[in-house]
Every structure is written in C-alpha cells, then in structure tokens.
Amino acid sequence: MTTLKVPDMTCGHCKAAVENAIHGLDAAAAVAVDLATHTVRIETAKVPTAAILAALDEAGYPATQG
C-alpha cells in the first residue's frame, strides 16, 4: 500500500483525474481518494511509487509520499 499527499486535489474532477492517471499505469490498482485529507491510497504491486508520482505530476497533481 502506498499513501500519497496530493495538496492540489480539491474536487470531484481532481479525484477523477488522479484516479485516471493511476489507472493508466495499472488498470487493476485499488485507489482510494480522500479529498478532505488530500490523500490517495494505492494498492498495486506492479507500479513503482516513482512512476505513480511522475504520472500524477504529468496530470497536473504533484504529490509526495506520506
């Protein structure tokens, strides 16, 4: 399980964009977005965290671990 902080994520559109960026790397990944705490929990064994961070940054949602 990976937990990321995504401070720029504030609405339903943001949630969908973050989910789509992650699912673009691993369609089967379990993604739980919490807009209130600006966190994303991801369960995938296939994708390194660095790749997820890069995909989110490319989508316009820079993230950090934690």
PDB file of N, CA and C in Angstrom:
ATOM      1  N   MET A   1       0.848  -1.172   0.000  1.00  0.00           N
ATOM      2  CA  MET A   1       0.000   0.000   0.000  1.00  0.00           C
ATOM      3  C   MET A   1       0.897   1.240   0.000  1.00  0.00           C
ATOM      4  N   THR A   2       0.559   2.174  -0.847  1.00  0.00           N
ATOM      5  CA  THR A   2       1.272   3.440  -0.939  1.00  0.00           C
ATOM      6  C   THR A   2       0.304   4.559  -0.603  1.00  0.00           C
ATOM      7  N   THR A   3       0.727   5.483   0.236  1.00  0.00           N
ATOM      8  CA  THR A   3      -0.088   6.655   0.560  1.00  0.00           C
ATOM      9  C   THR A   3       0.636   7.888   0.072  1.00  0.00           C
ATOM     10  N   LEU A   4      -0.078   8.717  -0.685  1.00  0.00           N
ATOM     11  CA  LEU A   4       0.488   9.944  -1.232  1.00  0.00           C
ATOM     12  C   LEU A   4      -0.327  11.145  -0.796  1.00  0.00           C
ATOM     13  N   LYS A   5       0.349  12.262  -0.600  1.00  0.00           N
ATOM     14  CA  LYS A   5      -0.313  13.539  -0.332  1.00  0.00           C
ATOM     15  C   LYS A   5      -0.413  14.281  -1.662  1.00  0.00           C
ATOM     16  N   VAL A   6      -1.621  14.742  -1.990  1.00  0.00           N
ATOM     17  CA  VAL A   6      -1.861  15.476  -3.232  1.00  0.00           C
ATOM     18  C   VAL A   6      -2.567  16.778  -2.849  1.00  0.00           C
ATOM     19  N   PRO A   7      -1.808  17.816  -2.487  1.00  0.00           N
ATOM     20  CA  PRO A   7      -2.407  19.033  -1.937  1.00  0.00           C
ATOM     21  C   PRO A   7      -3.309  19.795  -2.901  1.00  0.00           C
ATOM     22  N   ASP A   8      -3.095  19.675  -4.201  1.00  0.00           N
ATOM     23  CA  ASP A   8      -3.903  20.433  -5.164  1.00  0.00           C
ATOM     24  C   ASP A   8      -5.222  19.757  -5.523  1.00  0.00           C
ATOM     25  N   MET A   9      -5.520  18.629  -4.913  1.00  0.00           N
ATOM     26  CA  MET A   9      -6.725  17.864  -5.205  1.00  0.00           C
ATOM     27  C   MET A   9      -7.862  18.385  -4.319  1.00  0.00           C
ATOM     28  N   THR A  10      -8.882  19.008  -4.944  1.00  0.00           N
ATOM     29  CA  THR A  10      -9.921  19.659  -4.143  1.00  0.00           C
ATOM     30  C   THR A  10     -11.359  19.317  -4.520  1.00  0.00           C
ATOM     31  N   CYS A  11     -11.567  18.670  -5.670  1.00  0.00           N
ATOM     32  CA  CYS A  11     -12.954  18.465  -6.114  1.00  0.00           C
ATOM     33  C   CYS A  11     -13.112  17.107  -6.808  1.00  0.00           C
ATOM     34  N   GLY A  12     -14.309  16.829  -7.235  1.00  0.00           N
ATOM     35  CA  GLY A  12     -14.601  15.574  -7.912  1.00  0.00           C
ATOM     36  C   GLY A  12     -13.823  15.412  -9.209  1.00  0.00           C
ATOM     37  N   HIS A  13     -13.633  16.510  -9.938  1.00  0.00           N
ATOM     38  CA  HIS A  13     -12.840  16.442 -11.170  1.00  0.00           C
ATOM     39  C   HIS A  13     -11.402  16.063 -10.847  1.00  0.00           C
ATOM     40  N   CYS A  14     -10.852  16.653  -9.794  1.00  0.00           N
ATOM     41  CA  CYS A  14      -9.488  16.327  -9.365  1.00  0.00           C
ATOM     42  C   CYS A  14      -9.387  14.841  -9.020  1.00  0.00           C
ATOM     43  N   LYS A  15     -10.371  14.354  -8.275  1.00  0.00           N
ATOM     44  CA  LYS A  15     -10.398  12.944  -7.867  1.00  0.00           C
ATOM     45  C   LYS A  15     -10.366  12.039  -9.093  1.00  0.00           C
ATOM     46  N   ALA A  16     -11.201  12.352 -10.072  1.00  0.00           N
ATOM     47  CA  ALA A  16     -11.263  11.538 -11.292  1.00  0.00           C
ATOM     48  C   ALA A  16      -9.949  11.601 -12.072  1.00  0.00           C
ATOM     49  N   ALA A  17      -9.339  12.779 -12.146  1.00  0.00           N
ATOM     50  CA  ALA A  17      -8.075  12.918 -12.877  1.00  0.00           C
ATOM     51  C   ALA A  17      -6.961  12.115 -12.210  1.00  0.00           C
ATOM     52  N   VAL A  18      -6.923  12.136 -10.879  1.00  0.00           N
ATOM     53  CA  VAL A  18      -5.914  11.378 -10.138  1.00  0.00           C
ATOM     54  C   VAL A  18      -6.137   9.880 -10.335  1.00  0.00           C
ATOM     55  N   GLU A  19      -7.374   9.440 -10.210  1.00  0.00           N
ATOM     56  CA  GLU A  19      -7.685   8.019 -10.415  1.00  0.00           C
ATOM     57  C   GLU A  19      -7.321   7.579 -11.828  1.00  0.00           C
ATOM     58  N   ASN A  20      -7.652   8.394 -12.831  1.00  0.00           N
ATOM     59  CA  ASN A  20      -7.350   8.042 -14.219  1.00  0.00           C
ATOM     60  C   ASN A  20      -5.846   7.967 -14.468  1.00  0.00           C
ATOM     61  N   ALA A  21      -5.086   8.870 -13.859  1.00  0.00           N
ATOM     62  CA  ALA A  21      -3.626   8.849 -14.024  1.00  0.00           C
ATOM     63  C   ALA A  21      -3.051   7.552 -13.460  1.00  0.00           C
ATOM     64  N   ILE A  22      -3.544   7.141 -12.313  1.00  0.00           N
ATOM     65  CA  ILE A  22      -3.040   5.913 -11.687  1.00  0.00           C
ATOM     66  C   ILE A  22      -3.508   4.683 -12.449  1.00  0.00           C
ATOM     67  N   HIS A  23      -4.777   4.666 -12.840  1.00  0.00           N
ATOM     68  CA  HIS A  23      -5.288   3.520 -13.593  1.00  0.00           C
ATOM     69  C   HIS A  23      -4.642   3.413 -14.968  1.00  0.00           C
ATOM     70  N   GLY A  24      -4.104   4.523 -15.492  1.00  0.00           N
ATOM     71  CA  GLY A  24      -3.378   4.474 -16.752  1.00  0.00           C
ATOM     72  C   GLY A  24      -2.093   3.662 -16.633  1.00  0.00           C
ATOM     73  N   LEU A  25      -1.560   3.578 -15.426  1.00  0.00           N
ATOM     74  CA  LEU A  25      -0.362   2.777 -15.177  1.00  0.00           C
ATOM     75  C   LEU A  25      -0.703   1.337 -14.831  1.00  0.00           C
ATOM     76  N   ASP A  26      -1.794   1.166 -14.084  1.00  0.00           N
ATOM     77  CA  ASP A  26      -2.226  -0.173 -13.654  1.00  0.00           C
ATOM     78  C   ASP A  26      -3.744  -0.144 -13.498  1.00  0.00           C
ATOM     79  N   ALA A  27      -4.434  -0.634 -14.501  1.00  0.00           N
ATOM     80  CA  ALA A  27      -5.896  -0.584 -14.508  1.00  0.00           C
ATOM     81  C   ALA A  27      -6.515  -1.319 -13.324  1.00  0.00           C
ATOM     82  N   ALA A  28      -5.812  -2.302 -12.778  1.00  0.00           N
ATOM     83  CA  ALA A  28      -6.352  -3.104 -11.677  1.00  0.00           C
ATOM     84  C   ALA A  28      -6.010  -2.531 -10.297  1.00  0.00           C
ATOM     85  N   ALA A  29      -5.298  -1.422 -10.246  1.00  0.00           N
ATOM     86  CA  ALA A  29      -4.902  -0.855  -8.959  1.00  0.00           C
ATOM     87  C   ALA A  29      -6.133  -0.449  -8.157  1.00  0.00           C
ATOM     88  N   ALA A  30      -6.090  -0.697  -6.862  1.00  0.00           N
ATOM     89  CA  ALA A  30      -7.134  -0.223  -5.957  1.00  0.00           C
ATOM     90  C   ALA A  30      -6.726   1.175  -5.507  1.00  0.00           C
ATOM     91  N   VAL A  31      -7.587   2.160  -5.786  1.00  0.00           N
ATOM     92  CA  VAL A  31      -7.270   3.559  -5.491  1.00  0.00           C
ATOM     93  C   VAL A  31      -8.360   4.125  -4.591  1.00  0.00           C
ATOM     94  N   ALA A  32      -7.950   4.681  -3.449  1.00  0.00           N
ATOM     95  CA  ALA A  32      -8.888   5.318  -2.525  1.00  0.00           C
ATOM     96  C   ALA A  32      -8.466   6.775  -2.354  1.00  0.00           C
ATOM     97  N   VAL A  33      -9.310   7.688  -2.813  1.00  0.00           N
ATOM     98  CA  VAL A  33      -9.020   9.118  -2.753  1.00  0.00           C
ATOM     99  C   VAL A  33      -9.821   9.732  -1.612  1.00  0.00           C
ATOM    100  N   ASP A  34      -9.150  10.528  -0.783  1.00  0.00           N
ATOM    101  CA  ASP A  34      -9.809  11.253   0.305  1.00  0.00           C
ATOM    102  C   ASP A  34      -9.578  12.738   0.072  1.00  0.00           C
ATOM    103  N   LEU A  35     -10.606  13.420  -0.429  1.00  0.00           N
ATOM    104  CA  LEU A  35     -10.475  14.846  -0.717  1.00  0.00           C
ATOM    105  C   LEU A  35     -10.291  15.682   0.540  1.00  0.00           C
ATOM    106  N   ALA A  36     -10.879  15.268   1.647  1.00  0.00           N
ATOM    107  CA  ALA A  36     -10.780  16.036   2.888  1.00  0.00           C
ATOM    108  C   ALA A  36      -9.353  16.113   3.411  1.00  0.00           C
ATOM    109  N   THR A  37      -8.609  15.025   3.267  1.00  0.00           N
ATOM    110  CA  THR A  37      -7.230  15.000   3.769  1.00  0.00           C
ATOM    111  C   THR A  37      -6.201  15.129   2.647  1.00  0.00           C
ATOM    112  N   HIS A  38      -6.677  15.243   1.404  1.00  0.00           N
ATOM    113  CA  HIS A  38      -5.804  15.367   0.232  1.00  0.00           C
ATOM    114  C   HIS A  38      -4.841  14.187   0.127  1.00  0.00           C
ATOM    115  N   THR A  39      -5.359  12.989   0.387  1.00  0.00           N
ATOM    116  CA  THR A  39      -4.520  11.797   0.305  1.00  0.00           C
ATOM    117  C   THR A  39      -5.086  10.793  -0.693  1.00  0.00           C
ATOM    118  N   VAL A  40      -4.179   9.980  -1.205  1.00  0.00           N
ATOM    119  CA  VAL A  40      -4.541   8.890  -2.108  1.00  0.00           C
ATOM    120  C   VAL A  40      -3.843   7.643  -1.598  1.00  0.00           C
ATOM    121  N   ARG A  41      -4.611   6.584  -1.415  1.00  0.00           N
ATOM    122  CA  ARG A  41      -4.033   5.284  -1.032  1.00  0.00           C
ATOM    123  C   ARG A  41      -4.148   4.369  -2.237  1.00  0.00           C
ATOM    124  N   ILE A  42      -3.017   3.752  -2.580  1.00  0.00           N
ATOM    125  CA  ILE A  42      -2.947   2.933  -3.783  1.00  0.00           C
ATOM    126  C   ILE A  42      -2.413   1.562  -3.417  1.00  0.00           C
ATOM    127  N   GLU A  43      -3.100   0.548  -3.891  1.00  0.00           N
ATOM    128  CA  GLU A  43      -2.613  -0.816  -3.696  1.00  0.00           C
ATOM    129  C   GLU A  43      -2.341  -1.422  -5.067  1.00  0.00           C
ATOM    130  N   THR A  44      -1.061  -1.567  -5.366  1.00  0.00           N
ATOM    131  CA  THR A  44      -0.622  -2.196  -6.604  1.00  0.00           C
ATOM    132  C   THR A  44       0.787  -2.722  -6.399  1.00  0.00           C
ATOM    133  N   ALA A  45       1.027  -3.902  -6.886  1.00  0.00           N
ATOM    134  CA  ALA A  45       2.367  -4.481  -6.770  1.00  0.00           C
ATOM    135  C   ALA A  45       3.158  -4.264  -8.052  1.00  0.00           C
ATOM    136  N   LYS A  46       2.494  -3.775  -9.091  1.00  0.00           N
ATOM    137  CA  LYS A  46       3.112  -3.699 -10.409  1.00  0.00           C
ATOM    138  C   LYS A  46       3.868  -2.397 -10.673  1.00  0.00           C
ATOM    139  N   VAL A  47       3.483  -1.315 -10.020  1.00  0.00           N
ATOM    140  CA  VAL A  47       3.983   0.000 -10.405  1.00  0.00           C
ATOM    141  C   VAL A  47       4.813   0.622  -9.287  1.00  0.00           C
ATOM    142  N   PRO A  48       6.045   1.016  -9.578  1.00  0.00           N
ATOM    143  CA  PRO A  48       6.852   1.682  -8.556  1.00  0.00           C
ATOM    144  C   PRO A  48       6.262   3.054  -8.196  1.00  0.00           C
ATOM    145  N   THR A  49       6.474   3.453  -6.974  1.00  0.00           N
ATOM    146  CA  THR A  49       5.957   4.738  -6.496  1.00  0.00           C
ATOM    147  C   THR A  49       6.454   5.890  -7.355  1.00  0.00           C
ATOM    148  N   ALA A  50       7.699   5.840  -7.778  1.00  0.00           N
ATOM    149  CA  ALA A  50       8.245   6.919  -8.615  1.00  0.00           C
ATOM    150  C   ALA A  50       7.442   7.089  -9.897  1.00  0.00           C
ATOM    151  N   ALA A  51       6.976   5.997 -10.474  1.00  0.00           N
ATOM    152  CA  ALA A  51       6.174   6.071 -11.704  1.00  0.00           C
ATOM    153  C   ALA A  51       4.813   6.695 -11.422  1.00  0.00           C
ATOM    154  N   ILE A  52       4.225   6.373 -10.275  1.00  0.00           N
ATOM    155  CA  ILE A  52       2.937   6.966  -9.905  1.00  0.00           C
ATOM    156  C   ILE A  52       3.101   8.465  -9.678  1.00  0.00           C
ATOM    157  N   LEU A  53       4.147   8.860  -8.965  1.00  0.00           N
ATOM    158  CA  LEU A  53       4.410  10.281  -8.727  1.00  0.00           C
ATOM    159  C   LEU A  53       4.594  11.027 -10.043  1.00  0.00           C
ATOM    160  N   ALA A  54       5.312  10.428 -10.988  1.00  0.00           N
ATOM    161  CA  ALA A  54       5.540  11.051 -12.292  1.00  0.00           C
ATOM    162  C   ALA A  54       4.228  11.203 -13.063  1.00  0.00           C
ATOM    163  N   ALA A  55       3.376  10.186 -13.018  1.00  0.00           N
ATOM    164  CA  ALA A  55       2.086  10.243 -13.724  1.00  0.00           C
ATOM    165  C   ALA A  55       1.187  11.315 -13.134  1.00  0.00           C
ATOM    166  N   LEU A  56       1.171  11.429 -11.815  1.00  0.00           N
ATOM    167  CA  LEU A  56       0.362  12.460 -11.180  1.00  0.00           C
ATOM    168  C   LEU A  56       0.888  13.846 -11.500  1.00  0.00           C
ATOM    169  N   ASP A  57       2.190  14.009 -11.507  1.00  0.00           N
ATOM    170  CA  ASP A  57       2.782  15.298 -11.854  1.00  0.00           C
ATOM    171  C   ASP A  57       2.427  15.678 -13.285  1.00  0.00           C
ATOM    172  N   GLU A  58       2.491  14.722 -14.193  1.00  0.00           N
ATOM    173  CA  GLU A  58       2.134  14.967 -15.591  1.00  0.00           C
ATOM    174  C   GLU A  58       0.668  15.346 -15.734  1.00  0.00           C
ATOM    175  N   ALA A  59      -0.179  14.789 -14.873  1.00  0.00           N
ATOM    176  CA  ALA A  59      -1.608  15.096 -14.908  1.00  0.00           C
ATOM    177  C   ALA A  59      -1.935  16.434 -14.250  1.00  0.00           C
ATOM    178  N   GLY A  60      -0.915  17.064 -13.643  1.00  0.00           N
ATOM    179  CA  GLY A  60      -1.135  18.366 -13.020  1.00  0.00           C
ATOM    180  C   GLY A  60      -1.402  18.295 -11.522  1.00  0.00           C
ATOM    181  N   TYR A  61      -1.138  17.152 -10.933  1.00  0.00           N
ATOM    182  CA  TYR A  61      -1.380  16.952  -9.496  1.00  0.00           C
ATOM    183  C   TYR A  61      -0.117  16.445  -8.827  1.00  0.00           C
ATOM    184  N   PRO A  62       0.874  17.323  -8.600  1.00  0.00           N
ATOM    185  CA  PRO A  62       2.100  16.883  -7.946  1.00  0.00           C
ATOM    186  C   PRO A  62       1.803  16.300  -6.574  1.00  0.00           C
ATOM    187  N   ALA A  63       2.481  15.221  -6.254  1.00  0.00           N
ATOM    188  CA  ALA A  63       2.235  14.507  -4.996  1.00  0.00           C
ATOM    189  C   ALA A  63       3.553  14.208  -4.303  1.00  0.00           C
ATOM    190  N   THR A  64       3.438  13.902  -3.014  1.00  0.00           N
ATOM    191  CA  THR A  64       4.587  13.472  -2.225  1.00  0.00           C
ATOM    192  C   THR A  64       4.181  12.243  -1.440  1.00  0.00           C
ATOM    193  N   GLN A  65       5.162  11.451  -1.050  1.00  0.00           N
ATOM    194  CA  GLN A  65       4.858  10.292  -0.222  1.00  0.00           C
ATOM    195  C   GLN A  65       4.504  10.732   1.176  1.00  0.00           C
ATOM    196  N   GLY A  66       3.608   9.968   1.799  1.00  0.00           N
ATOM    197  CA  GLY A  66       3.257  10.256   3.182  1.00  0.00           C
ATOM    198  C   GLY A  66       1.860  10.512   3.293  1.00  0.00           C
TER     199      GLY A  66
END
